[in-house]
């Protein structure tokens, strides 16, 4: 569990290399350094946060793109060594607070149908399954569940 020595902050372009390493460790189809660098330095719709462990190492990150009044969650990634300790939940809550602060009305994401741990986290934070994208993931053809959360004043 979190011990209070972790810190969440907005990500900067200087974090792109570490985020690319986190992507490599977490995903079958990782985002490239170049894509992350572009989002962090040149995409005004992109909002990224990182969480550092007590030792100062980046343990994970989360991001969404703001499109009109919607937060499209692009990624939530926590290094395997830091999972099941509250890092993902802390990042989710940071995104929800920011979305509410920015007066966004809803948040949406896709999650692998088989990723029960992530689905449980999202559901516990108020996300509801609203659709299925068959064959969404290129690496194995797995389907994605689309999940939606209405942003409210309780998220601030």
Foldseek 3Di string as FASTA:
>chain_A
DADPLKDKDWDALVCLVVQQVQQVQFDPDGDHSVVSSCLRPPQPQKTKMFMAHNVRRTQWMWMFGDDPLETETDDTTGHPVCPPPCRSVVRVLVVLLVSVVVNRFKYKYKDFPPCVVVVVSCVVVAKDFDDKAALPDPVPRTIITMIMHTRDPVSD
